Structures are given as structure tokens and as C-alpha cells.
Amino acid sequence: MVRTRRSNGILGIALVALVGGMVGLSFAAVPLYRLFCQVTGYAGTPRIGVQASPAAPEKGRITVRLDANVNSALPWRFRSETPAVSVQLGETALVHYVAKNLSSSPVVGQATFSVTPYKAAQYFAKIECFCFTEQRLAPGEEVPMAVSFYVDPQILDDPDARDVQTITLSYTFFSAIKDGERKTAWRRNDG
């Protein structure tokens, strides 16, 4: 009887620990998946914050198309200054997008991004980007937004990716604040 209670107690503690571990893993899953995607380039996620390595001039060029989108719930206009750029492999490039708040209230937006084709994402590295932080625009405000990046010359050494001639860098802006939080957040951001 004493042995059974002890066994039941150990089993109960083990089950509670198991459930606690599962809950902890469920909270860690999203950040761990995001980190995995950033490191490997999986699902079109480019590498972030790394410095370009110089490329030999004979390494070649690649075209980067610049795509800009806005979620319908965000009252912004968002576009790239140019539809595409031709970049030297391994050299840092700087491109600009422009965002404008079309509403009569301040709005906070956050950009998500992807790189296609997916097989090229691991060779696309962003050094600086407006997408790293939330962007707050005053009513009617229009601002330029810069992206600094390079395409790693090692793309030519990858048999699956060496045929890529064009990479598309795509951004979509979403509202960064839930509707119920909007007025409070604007007051906080107004100082």
C-alpha cells in the first residue's frame, strides 16, 4: 500500500513535469522556428545582420525584384522606388521603399518579408532593414525606408541554386497594434 502510494506520487510528479515541459516547448516553438528559418533560409527567410564578403568581379550579377504590399486593414500606401536592381554578387546594395500613412491618425505598422525562390533565400543577407522594427507614421506622413543587403557569391557553388537569375524580395506591411490597443498605443507613442 505504501509502495503503491509512492509509485503513484512519482508517476503524478512525472506527468506534471511532462505537461509543464510540453507547455514550455509550445511557447518556445515560434521563436525557435523563426530562428531556424533565419539561420537556414528555410521558407524564404533571408539571413540577417551579417556583413558582405567581397566577391571577385567575375562572379557575376543577379537581379533583385522589389515587391511591396500592404494588408487591407492598414491605411498605408507602400511601394519600392524602383521595381528591380541588378547587384554584383557579394557587394552590399542599398534600396529604398516609400510608405505613406493615408489616414488622419497615427498608425504603427510592421513589415514581414520573404525571398523567392526559396532555394536562394539562404544566400540573401539583409544587413539593415526597416522591417527589423515597428514603423510609426503620423497622419499623412510619407517616409523613405532603406534596406541594405547582399547576395552571397556561394549561390554559384550550390547546384540547386546556381541557375537563379532573379530573386524577389517581398514585403507586406500589417498593423502592429490590435484594434483594442490602438488608441492607448498611439497616446504612448505621442510622448
N, C-alpha and C. Protein backbone atom coordinates (compact mmCIF):
# COMPACT_ATOMS: atom_id res chain seq x y z
N MET A 1 0.81 -1.18 0.00
CA MET A 1 0.00 0.00 0.00
C MET A 1 0.87 1.26 0.00
N VAL A 2 1.89 1.29 0.87
CA VAL A 2 2.80 2.43 0.93
C VAL A 2 3.57 2.53 -0.38
N ARG A 3 3.98 1.38 -0.88
CA ARG A 3 4.73 1.35 -2.14
C ARG A 3 3.85 1.86 -3.29
N THR A 4 2.58 1.52 -3.32
CA THR A 4 1.67 1.96 -4.36
C THR A 4 1.49 3.48 -4.30
N ARG A 5 1.33 4.04 -3.10
CA ARG A 5 1.19 5.49 -2.97
C ARG A 5 2.45 6.20 -3.44
N ARG A 6 3.60 5.65 -3.09
CA ARG A 6 4.86 6.25 -3.51
C ARG A 6 4.97 6.20 -5.03
N SER A 7 4.61 5.08 -5.63
CA SER A 7 4.66 4.93 -7.09
C SER A 7 3.69 5.90 -7.76
N ASN A 8 2.49 6.03 -7.18
CA ASN A 8 1.51 6.97 -7.72
C ASN A 8 2.02 8.41 -7.61
N GLY A 9 2.68 8.74 -6.51
CA GLY A 9 3.23 10.09 -6.32
C GLY A 9 4.31 10.39 -7.34
N ILE A 10 5.20 9.43 -7.57
CA ILE A 10 6.27 9.61 -8.56
C ILE A 10 5.67 9.74 -9.95
N LEU A 11 4.69 8.92 -10.25
CA LEU A 11 4.03 9.00 -11.55
C LEU A 11 3.33 10.35 -11.72
N GLY A 12 2.67 10.82 -10.67
CA GLY A 12 2.00 12.13 -10.72
C GLY A 12 2.99 13.26 -10.97
N ILE A 13 4.11 13.24 -10.27
CA ILE A 13 5.15 14.27 -10.47
C ILE A 13 5.70 14.20 -11.89
N ALA A 14 5.94 13.00 -12.39
CA ALA A 14 6.46 12.84 -13.75
C ALA A 14 5.46 13.37 -14.78
N LEU A 15 4.18 13.10 -14.58
CA LEU A 15 3.17 13.58 -15.52
C LEU A 15 3.05 15.11 -15.48
N VAL A 16 3.11 15.70 -14.31
CA VAL A 16 3.07 17.16 -14.19
C VAL A 16 4.29 17.76 -14.88
N ALA A 17 5.46 17.17 -14.67
CA ALA A 17 6.68 17.65 -15.33
C ALA A 17 6.57 17.52 -16.84
N LEU A 18 6.00 16.42 -17.30
CA LEU A 18 5.81 16.22 -18.74
C LEU A 18 4.89 17.28 -19.33
N VAL A 19 3.76 17.53 -18.67
CA VAL A 19 2.82 18.55 -19.14
C VAL A 19 3.49 19.93 -19.11
N GLY A 20 4.22 20.24 -18.04
CA GLY A 20 4.93 21.52 -17.96
C GLY A 20 5.95 21.67 -19.07
N GLY A 21 6.69 20.60 -19.36
CA GLY A 21 7.66 20.64 -20.46
C GLY A 21 6.98 20.85 -21.80
N MET A 22 5.84 20.22 -22.02
CA MET A 22 5.12 20.38 -23.29
C MET A 22 4.61 21.81 -23.44
N VAL A 23 4.11 22.39 -22.35
CA VAL A 23 3.65 23.78 -22.41
C VAL A 23 4.83 24.71 -22.70
N GLY A 24 5.95 24.48 -22.05
CA GLY A 24 7.15 25.28 -22.30
C GLY A 24 7.61 25.18 -23.75
N LEU A 25 7.61 24.00 -24.31
CA LEU A 25 8.00 23.81 -25.71
C LEU A 25 7.03 24.49 -26.66
N SER A 26 5.74 24.50 -26.31
CA SER A 26 4.78 25.15 -27.20
C SER A 26 5.03 26.66 -27.25
N PHE A 27 5.43 27.27 -26.14
CA PHE A 27 5.75 28.70 -26.15
C PHE A 27 7.06 28.97 -26.87
N ALA A 28 7.99 28.03 -26.84
CA ALA A 28 9.30 28.22 -27.48
C ALA A 28 9.26 27.88 -28.96
N ALA A 29 8.22 27.23 -29.44
CA ALA A 29 8.19 26.75 -30.82
C ALA A 29 8.28 27.87 -31.84
N VAL A 30 7.53 28.95 -31.68
CA VAL A 30 7.54 30.03 -32.66
C VAL A 30 8.90 30.72 -32.73
N PRO A 31 9.49 31.16 -31.59
CA PRO A 31 10.81 31.78 -31.68
C PRO A 31 11.89 30.83 -32.22
N LEU A 32 11.81 29.57 -31.85
CA LEU A 32 12.79 28.60 -32.35
C LEU A 32 12.63 28.38 -33.85
N TYR A 33 11.40 28.31 -34.33
CA TYR A 33 11.15 28.15 -35.77
C TYR A 33 11.65 29.38 -36.53
N ARG A 34 11.37 30.58 -35.99
CA ARG A 34 11.84 31.82 -36.64
C ARG A 34 13.36 31.83 -36.71
N LEU A 35 14.04 31.45 -35.63
CA LEU A 35 15.50 31.39 -35.61
C LEU A 35 16.00 30.38 -36.63
N PHE A 36 15.38 29.21 -36.67
CA PHE A 36 15.76 28.18 -37.64
C PHE A 36 15.65 28.72 -39.07
N CYS A 37 14.54 29.41 -39.37
CA CYS A 37 14.34 29.95 -40.71
C CYS A 37 15.38 31.01 -41.05
N GLN A 38 15.73 31.87 -40.09
CA GLN A 38 16.70 32.91 -40.34
C GLN A 38 18.09 32.34 -40.57
N VAL A 39 18.44 31.28 -39.85
CA VAL A 39 19.76 30.68 -39.99
C VAL A 39 19.89 29.89 -41.29
N THR A 40 18.85 29.16 -41.65
CA THR A 40 18.94 28.27 -42.81
C THR A 40 18.38 28.84 -44.09
N GLY A 41 17.60 29.92 -44.00
CA GLY A 41 16.94 30.45 -45.19
C GLY A 41 15.70 29.67 -45.55
N TYR A 42 15.25 28.79 -44.67
CA TYR A 42 14.07 27.98 -44.92
C TYR A 42 12.84 28.87 -45.04
N ALA A 43 11.92 28.52 -45.92
CA ALA A 43 10.65 29.22 -46.14
C ALA A 43 10.84 30.66 -46.61
N GLY A 44 11.93 30.91 -47.33
CA GLY A 44 12.13 32.23 -47.92
C GLY A 44 12.62 33.29 -46.95
N THR A 45 13.14 32.88 -45.79
CA THR A 45 13.63 33.84 -44.81
C THR A 45 15.10 34.10 -45.07
N PRO A 46 15.47 35.35 -45.38
CA PRO A 46 16.88 35.65 -45.63
C PRO A 46 17.69 35.72 -44.34
N ARG A 47 19.00 35.58 -44.47
CA ARG A 47 19.88 35.77 -43.33
C ARG A 47 19.87 37.24 -42.95
N ILE A 48 20.12 37.54 -41.68
CA ILE A 48 20.00 38.91 -41.20
C ILE A 48 21.26 39.33 -40.45
N GLY A 49 21.69 40.58 -40.70
CA GLY A 49 22.72 41.22 -39.90
C GLY A 49 24.13 40.71 -40.10
N VAL A 50 24.43 40.11 -41.22
CA VAL A 50 25.78 39.64 -41.48
C VAL A 50 26.44 40.57 -42.50
N GLN A 51 27.76 40.65 -42.44
CA GLN A 51 28.49 41.53 -43.34
C GLN A 51 28.79 40.83 -44.66
N ALA A 52 28.78 41.62 -45.72
CA ALA A 52 29.05 41.08 -47.04
C ALA A 52 30.51 40.68 -47.16
N SER A 53 30.75 39.61 -47.91
CA SER A 53 32.11 39.22 -48.21
C SER A 53 32.42 39.65 -49.63
N PRO A 54 33.59 40.24 -49.85
CA PRO A 54 33.88 40.75 -51.18
C PRO A 54 33.86 39.63 -52.21
N ALA A 55 33.37 39.96 -53.38
CA ALA A 55 33.31 38.99 -54.47
C ALA A 55 34.27 39.41 -55.57
N ALA A 56 34.79 38.43 -56.23
CA ALA A 56 35.62 38.73 -57.39
C ALA A 56 34.71 39.25 -58.50
N PRO A 57 35.18 40.22 -59.31
CA PRO A 57 34.33 40.80 -60.34
C PRO A 57 33.75 39.78 -61.31
N GLU A 58 34.45 38.68 -61.52
CA GLU A 58 33.94 37.70 -62.47
C GLU A 58 32.82 36.83 -61.91
N LYS A 59 32.50 37.02 -60.65
CA LYS A 59 31.45 36.19 -60.03
C LYS A 59 30.08 36.43 -60.64
N GLY A 60 29.81 37.61 -61.11
CA GLY A 60 28.54 37.83 -61.79
C GLY A 60 27.58 38.72 -61.06
N ARG A 61 26.42 38.88 -61.69
CA ARG A 61 25.37 39.76 -61.18
C ARG A 61 24.07 38.97 -61.09
N ILE A 62 23.17 39.50 -60.29
CA ILE A 62 21.85 38.90 -60.16
C ILE A 62 20.83 40.03 -60.04
N THR A 63 19.65 39.82 -60.56
CA THR A 63 18.59 40.81 -60.48
C THR A 63 17.76 40.55 -59.24
N VAL A 64 17.49 41.62 -58.49
CA VAL A 64 16.64 41.52 -57.30
C VAL A 64 15.39 42.37 -57.56
N ARG A 65 14.25 41.69 -57.67
CA ARG A 65 12.96 42.38 -57.83
C ARG A 65 12.48 42.83 -56.45
N LEU A 66 11.90 44.02 -56.39
CA LEU A 66 11.44 44.59 -55.13
C LEU A 66 9.92 44.66 -55.13
N ASP A 67 9.29 43.88 -54.26
CA ASP A 67 7.84 43.78 -54.20
C ASP A 67 7.35 44.45 -52.91
N ALA A 68 6.27 45.23 -53.00
CA ALA A 68 5.73 45.94 -51.84
C ALA A 68 4.23 45.72 -51.76
N ASN A 69 3.75 45.33 -50.57
CA ASN A 69 2.33 45.05 -50.35
C ASN A 69 1.90 45.62 -49.00
N VAL A 70 0.60 45.90 -48.88
CA VAL A 70 0.02 46.38 -47.63
C VAL A 70 -1.23 45.58 -47.34
N ASN A 71 -1.34 45.08 -46.12
CA ASN A 71 -2.56 44.41 -45.69
C ASN A 71 -3.71 45.41 -45.75
N SER A 72 -4.90 44.96 -46.17
CA SER A 72 -6.04 45.85 -46.37
C SER A 72 -6.49 46.56 -45.09
N ALA A 73 -6.14 46.05 -43.92
CA ALA A 73 -6.52 46.68 -42.66
C ALA A 73 -5.61 47.85 -42.28
N LEU A 74 -4.52 48.04 -43.01
CA LEU A 74 -3.57 49.11 -42.72
C LEU A 74 -3.75 50.23 -43.75
N PRO A 75 -4.09 51.44 -43.30
CA PRO A 75 -4.35 52.53 -44.24
C PRO A 75 -3.06 53.20 -44.74
N TRP A 76 -2.21 52.44 -45.38
CA TRP A 76 -0.95 52.94 -45.91
C TRP A 76 -0.86 52.67 -47.40
N ARG A 77 -0.01 53.48 -48.05
CA ARG A 77 0.45 53.17 -49.41
C ARG A 77 1.93 52.84 -49.24
N PHE A 78 2.37 51.79 -49.88
CA PHE A 78 3.74 51.30 -49.73
C PHE A 78 4.24 50.84 -51.09
N ARG A 79 5.42 51.31 -51.49
CA ARG A 79 5.95 50.96 -52.80
C ARG A 79 7.48 51.00 -52.77
N SER A 80 8.09 50.35 -53.73
CA SER A 80 9.54 50.46 -53.88
C SER A 80 9.83 51.61 -54.84
N GLU A 81 10.98 52.25 -54.66
CA GLU A 81 11.34 53.37 -55.54
C GLU A 81 11.68 52.87 -56.95
N THR A 82 12.10 51.64 -57.05
CA THR A 82 12.42 51.04 -58.34
C THR A 82 11.92 49.61 -58.34
N PRO A 83 11.47 49.09 -59.46
CA PRO A 83 10.92 47.72 -59.45
C PRO A 83 11.99 46.63 -59.29
N ALA A 84 13.23 46.92 -59.69
CA ALA A 84 14.28 45.90 -59.60
C ALA A 84 15.65 46.57 -59.65
N VAL A 85 16.65 45.86 -59.12
CA VAL A 85 18.03 46.32 -59.20
C VAL A 85 18.91 45.15 -59.61
N SER A 86 19.98 45.45 -60.31
CA SER A 86 20.98 44.45 -60.66
C SER A 86 22.14 44.63 -59.70
N VAL A 87 22.50 43.56 -58.99
CA VAL A 87 23.55 43.66 -57.97
C VAL A 87 24.70 42.71 -58.26
N GLN A 88 25.88 43.16 -57.93
CA GLN A 88 27.08 42.33 -58.02
C GLN A 88 27.06 41.34 -56.86
N LEU A 89 27.28 40.08 -57.12
CA LEU A 89 27.32 39.09 -56.05
C LEU A 89 28.39 39.46 -55.04
N GLY A 90 28.03 39.44 -53.76
CA GLY A 90 28.96 39.74 -52.68
C GLY A 90 29.07 41.20 -52.31
N GLU A 91 28.54 42.10 -53.13
CA GLU A 91 28.62 43.53 -52.82
C GLU A 91 27.34 44.02 -52.17
N THR A 92 27.49 44.90 -51.20
CA THR A 92 26.34 45.45 -50.49
C THR A 92 25.55 46.38 -51.41
N ALA A 93 24.25 46.23 -51.42
CA ALA A 93 23.35 47.08 -52.20
C ALA A 93 22.41 47.79 -51.24
N LEU A 94 21.98 48.99 -51.63
CA LEU A 94 21.04 49.76 -50.83
C LEU A 94 19.87 50.12 -51.72
N VAL A 95 18.66 49.77 -51.26
CA VAL A 95 17.44 50.11 -52.00
C VAL A 95 16.48 50.82 -51.04
N HIS A 96 15.52 51.54 -51.64
CA HIS A 96 14.58 52.29 -50.83
C HIS A 96 13.14 51.97 -51.21
N TYR A 97 12.33 51.91 -50.18
CA TYR A 97 10.89 51.82 -50.31
C TYR A 97 10.32 53.12 -49.76
N VAL A 98 9.06 53.41 -50.04
CA VAL A 98 8.40 54.60 -49.52
C VAL A 98 7.05 54.18 -48.95
N ALA A 99 6.78 54.63 -47.72
CA ALA A 99 5.49 54.34 -47.08
C ALA A 99 4.80 55.66 -46.76
N LYS A 100 3.48 55.68 -46.92
CA LYS A 100 2.70 56.87 -46.60
C LYS A 100 1.45 56.45 -45.83
N ASN A 101 1.20 57.15 -44.73
CA ASN A 101 0.00 56.94 -43.92
C ASN A 101 -1.13 57.73 -44.57
N LEU A 102 -2.16 57.05 -45.03
CA LEU A 102 -3.28 57.69 -45.71
C LEU A 102 -4.40 58.10 -44.75
N SER A 103 -4.25 57.78 -43.47
CA SER A 103 -5.32 58.06 -42.51
C SER A 103 -5.11 59.41 -41.82
N SER A 104 -6.07 59.79 -41.01
CA SER A 104 -5.98 61.04 -40.25
C SER A 104 -5.51 60.80 -38.82
N SER A 105 -5.01 59.59 -38.55
CA SER A 105 -4.50 59.23 -37.22
C SER A 105 -3.12 58.60 -37.37
N PRO A 106 -2.30 58.66 -36.31
CA PRO A 106 -1.02 57.94 -36.35
C PRO A 106 -1.28 56.44 -36.45
N VAL A 107 -0.43 55.74 -37.18
CA VAL A 107 -0.59 54.30 -37.37
C VAL A 107 0.77 53.63 -37.22
N VAL A 108 0.79 52.49 -36.53
CA VAL A 108 2.01 51.71 -36.36
C VAL A 108 1.90 50.47 -37.22
N GLY A 109 2.91 50.23 -38.06
CA GLY A 109 2.93 49.07 -38.93
C GLY A 109 4.20 48.25 -38.73
N GLN A 110 4.13 47.00 -39.09
CA GLN A 110 5.28 46.10 -39.03
C GLN A 110 5.33 45.32 -40.33
N ALA A 111 6.50 45.27 -40.94
CA ALA A 111 6.65 44.56 -42.22
C ALA A 111 7.12 43.13 -41.99
N THR A 112 6.52 42.23 -42.74
CA THR A 112 7.03 40.87 -42.84
C THR A 112 7.70 40.77 -44.20
N PHE A 113 8.58 39.80 -44.36
CA PHE A 113 9.34 39.72 -45.59
C PHE A 113 9.57 38.28 -45.98
N SER A 114 9.88 38.09 -47.25
CA SER A 114 10.29 36.78 -47.73
C SER A 114 11.13 36.96 -48.99
N VAL A 115 11.84 35.92 -49.31
CA VAL A 115 12.68 35.90 -50.50
C VAL A 115 12.30 34.68 -51.32
N THR A 116 12.06 34.89 -52.60
CA THR A 116 11.80 33.77 -53.50
C THR A 116 12.73 33.88 -54.70
N PRO A 117 13.13 32.79 -55.30
CA PRO A 117 12.76 31.42 -54.94
C PRO A 117 13.39 31.03 -53.60
N TYR A 118 12.73 30.12 -52.91
CA TYR A 118 13.17 29.72 -51.57
C TYR A 118 14.60 29.20 -51.57
N LYS A 119 15.00 28.55 -52.64
CA LYS A 119 16.35 27.98 -52.69
C LYS A 119 17.43 29.06 -52.68
N ALA A 120 17.08 30.30 -52.97
CA ALA A 120 18.04 31.41 -52.95
C ALA A 120 18.05 32.15 -51.63
N ALA A 121 17.06 31.92 -50.78
CA ALA A 121 16.91 32.70 -49.54
C ALA A 121 18.13 32.59 -48.64
N GLN A 122 18.74 31.43 -48.56
CA GLN A 122 19.89 31.28 -47.67
C GLN A 122 21.10 32.07 -48.14
N TYR A 123 21.10 32.54 -49.37
CA TYR A 123 22.21 33.34 -49.90
C TYR A 123 21.90 34.83 -49.91
N PHE A 124 20.71 35.19 -49.51
CA PHE A 124 20.29 36.59 -49.47
C PHE A 124 20.43 37.07 -48.03
N ALA A 125 21.28 38.05 -47.79
CA ALA A 125 21.54 38.51 -46.42
C ALA A 125 21.20 39.99 -46.28
N LYS A 126 20.30 40.30 -45.33
CA LYS A 126 19.95 41.69 -45.04
C LYS A 126 20.85 42.19 -43.92
N ILE A 127 21.45 43.36 -44.13
CA ILE A 127 22.33 43.96 -43.13
C ILE A 127 21.54 44.93 -42.27
N GLU A 128 20.80 45.82 -42.90
CA GLU A 128 19.92 46.76 -42.22
C GLU A 128 18.58 46.77 -42.93
N CYS A 129 17.50 46.92 -42.16
CA CYS A 129 16.17 46.89 -42.78
C CYS A 129 15.14 47.55 -41.88
N PHE A 130 14.23 48.28 -42.49
CA PHE A 130 13.11 48.87 -41.76
C PHE A 130 12.23 47.80 -41.14
N CYS A 131 12.30 46.59 -41.67
CA CYS A 131 11.44 45.51 -41.19
C CYS A 131 11.87 44.96 -39.84
N PHE A 132 13.04 45.37 -39.35
CA PHE A 132 13.51 44.88 -38.05
C PHE A 132 12.73 45.49 -36.89
N THR A 133 12.07 46.63 -37.12
CA THR A 133 11.34 47.31 -36.05
C THR A 133 9.98 47.79 -36.55
N GLU A 134 9.10 48.10 -35.62
CA GLU A 134 7.80 48.67 -35.97
C GLU A 134 8.02 50.08 -36.50
N GLN A 135 7.16 50.50 -37.43
CA GLN A 135 7.25 51.83 -38.02
C GLN A 135 6.00 52.61 -37.65
N ARG A 136 6.17 53.81 -37.11
CA ARG A 136 5.05 54.66 -36.72
C ARG A 136 5.02 55.86 -37.67
N LEU A 137 3.89 56.05 -38.33
CA LEU A 137 3.73 57.17 -39.24
C LEU A 137 2.61 58.08 -38.73
N ALA A 138 2.89 59.37 -38.72
CA ALA A 138 1.90 60.37 -38.34
C ALA A 138 0.88 60.50 -39.46
N PRO A 139 -0.25 61.13 -39.20
CA PRO A 139 -1.27 61.30 -40.25
C PRO A 139 -0.68 61.98 -41.49
N GLY A 140 -0.85 61.35 -42.64
CA GLY A 140 -0.37 61.90 -43.90
C GLY A 140 1.13 61.85 -44.11
N GLU A 141 1.88 61.32 -43.14
CA GLU A 141 3.34 61.29 -43.25
C GLU A 141 3.80 60.29 -44.30
N GLU A 142 4.81 60.68 -45.07
CA GLU A 142 5.43 59.81 -46.07
C GLU A 142 6.92 59.73 -45.74
N VAL A 143 7.45 58.51 -45.64
CA VAL A 143 8.85 58.34 -45.26
C VAL A 143 9.55 57.33 -46.18
N PRO A 144 10.84 57.59 -46.47
CA PRO A 144 11.63 56.59 -47.18
C PRO A 144 12.09 55.52 -46.19
N MET A 145 12.19 54.30 -46.66
CA MET A 145 12.62 53.18 -45.82
C MET A 145 13.68 52.40 -46.57
N ALA A 146 14.86 52.28 -45.96
CA ALA A 146 16.01 51.68 -46.64
C ALA A 146 16.21 50.22 -46.25
N VAL A 147 16.77 49.48 -47.20
CA VAL A 147 17.17 48.09 -46.98
C VAL A 147 18.58 47.94 -47.54
N SER A 148 19.49 47.43 -46.72
CA SER A 148 20.86 47.16 -47.15
C SER A 148 21.03 45.64 -47.15
N PHE A 149 21.52 45.09 -48.26
CA PHE A 149 21.62 43.63 -48.39
C PHE A 149 22.74 43.26 -49.34
N TYR A 150 23.03 41.98 -49.40
CA TYR A 150 23.91 41.43 -50.44
C TYR A 150 23.48 40.01 -50.75
N VAL A 151 23.89 39.53 -51.91
CA VAL A 151 23.67 38.15 -52.31
C VAL A 151 25.02 37.45 -52.26
N ASP A 152 25.11 36.42 -51.43
CA ASP A 152 26.37 35.70 -51.23
C ASP A 152 26.80 35.00 -52.52
N PRO A 153 28.06 35.19 -52.93
CA PRO A 153 28.56 34.53 -54.15
C PRO A 153 28.53 33.01 -54.08
N GLN A 154 28.40 32.45 -52.88
CA GLN A 154 28.35 31.00 -52.73
C GLN A 154 27.11 30.40 -53.40
N ILE A 155 26.17 31.26 -53.79
CA ILE A 155 25.00 30.77 -54.52
C ILE A 155 25.43 30.05 -55.79
N LEU A 156 26.56 30.46 -56.36
CA LEU A 156 27.05 29.83 -57.60
C LEU A 156 27.64 28.45 -57.35
N ASP A 157 28.00 28.15 -56.09
CA ASP A 157 28.56 26.85 -55.75
C ASP A 157 27.48 25.82 -55.40
N ASP A 158 26.24 26.26 -55.27
CA ASP A 158 25.13 25.39 -54.91
C ASP A 158 24.48 24.87 -56.19
N PRO A 159 24.56 23.57 -56.45
CA PRO A 159 23.99 23.03 -57.69
C PRO A 159 22.48 23.27 -57.82
N ASP A 160 21.79 23.41 -56.68
CA ASP A 160 20.35 23.63 -56.72
C ASP A 160 19.99 25.10 -56.96
N ALA A 161 20.90 26.02 -56.64
CA ALA A 161 20.57 27.44 -56.72
C ALA A 161 21.37 28.22 -57.77
N ARG A 162 22.38 27.62 -58.36
CA ARG A 162 23.24 28.38 -59.27
C ARG A 162 22.51 28.87 -60.53
N ASP A 163 21.37 28.29 -60.82
CA ASP A 163 20.61 28.72 -62.01
C ASP A 163 19.74 29.94 -61.75
N VAL A 164 19.67 30.41 -60.49
CA VAL A 164 18.82 31.55 -60.15
C VAL A 164 19.39 32.82 -60.78
N GLN A 165 18.58 33.48 -61.57
CA GLN A 165 18.97 34.74 -62.21
C GLN A 165 18.25 35.94 -61.59
N THR A 166 17.08 35.67 -60.98
CA THR A 166 16.28 36.73 -60.38
C THR A 166 15.79 36.29 -59.00
N ILE A 167 15.95 37.16 -58.03
CA ILE A 167 15.45 36.94 -56.67
C ILE A 167 14.40 38.01 -56.41
N THR A 168 13.31 37.63 -55.77
CA THR A 168 12.28 38.60 -55.40
C THR A 168 12.31 38.82 -53.89
N LEU A 169 12.51 40.07 -53.49
CA LEU A 169 12.44 40.47 -52.09
C LEU A 169 11.06 41.09 -51.90
N SER A 170 10.23 40.45 -51.09
CA SER A 170 8.84 40.87 -50.93
C SER A 170 8.57 41.29 -49.49
N TYR A 171 7.90 42.44 -49.34
CA TYR A 171 7.49 42.94 -48.04
C TYR A 171 5.98 43.12 -48.02
N THR A 172 5.39 42.83 -46.88
CA THR A 172 3.98 43.14 -46.65
C THR A 172 3.88 43.82 -45.29
N PHE A 173 3.28 45.01 -45.27
CA PHE A 173 3.07 45.73 -44.02
C PHE A 173 1.72 45.35 -43.44
N PHE A 174 1.70 45.13 -42.12
CA PHE A 174 0.49 44.83 -41.35
C PHE A 174 0.40 45.82 -40.21
N SER A 175 -0.79 46.01 -39.68
CA SER A 175 -0.95 46.82 -38.48
C SER A 175 -0.24 46.12 -37.34
N ALA A 176 0.55 46.86 -36.58
CA ALA A 176 1.31 46.26 -35.49
C ALA A 176 0.54 46.28 -34.18
N ILE A 177 -0.63 46.91 -34.18
CA ILE A 177 -1.41 47.06 -32.95
C ILE A 177 -2.81 46.51 -33.17
N LYS A 178 -3.26 45.71 -32.21
CA LYS A 178 -4.63 45.20 -32.28
C LYS A 178 -5.60 46.35 -32.10
N ASP A 179 -6.77 46.24 -32.68
CA ASP A 179 -7.76 47.32 -32.66
C ASP A 179 -8.04 47.85 -31.26
N GLY A 180 -8.18 46.98 -30.27
CA GLY A 180 -8.49 47.42 -28.91
C GLY A 180 -7.34 48.18 -28.26
N GLU A 181 -6.11 47.98 -28.73
CA GLU A 181 -4.94 48.63 -28.16
C GLU A 181 -4.58 49.91 -28.88
N ARG A 182 -5.18 50.18 -30.02
CA ARG A 182 -4.75 51.26 -30.91
C ARG A 182 -4.66 52.62 -30.23
N LYS A 183 -5.72 53.10 -29.57
CA LYS A 183 -5.71 54.44 -29.00
C LYS A 183 -4.70 54.56 -27.87
N THR A 184 -4.60 53.55 -27.01
CA THR A 184 -3.64 53.58 -25.92
C THR A 184 -2.22 53.62 -26.46
N ALA A 185 -1.92 52.81 -27.46
CA ALA A 185 -0.57 52.76 -28.02
C ALA A 185 -0.22 54.07 -28.68
N TRP A 186 -1.16 54.70 -29.39
CA TRP A 186 -0.87 55.98 -30.03
C TRP A 186 -0.55 57.04 -28.98
N ARG A 187 -1.29 57.03 -27.87
CA ARG A 187 -1.01 58.00 -26.82
C ARG A 187 0.39 57.77 -26.25
N ARG A 188 0.76 56.49 -26.06
CA ARG A 188 2.10 56.19 -25.55
C ARG A 188 3.16 56.69 -26.52
N ASN A 189 2.96 56.46 -27.81
CA ASN A 189 3.96 56.85 -28.82
C ASN A 189 4.01 58.35 -29.05
N ASP A 190 2.95 59.07 -28.72
CA ASP A 190 2.94 60.52 -28.91
C ASP A 190 3.79 61.22 -27.86
N GLY A 191 4.22 60.51 -26.85
CA GLY A 191 5.10 61.10 -25.85
C GLY A 191 4.31 61.61 -24.72
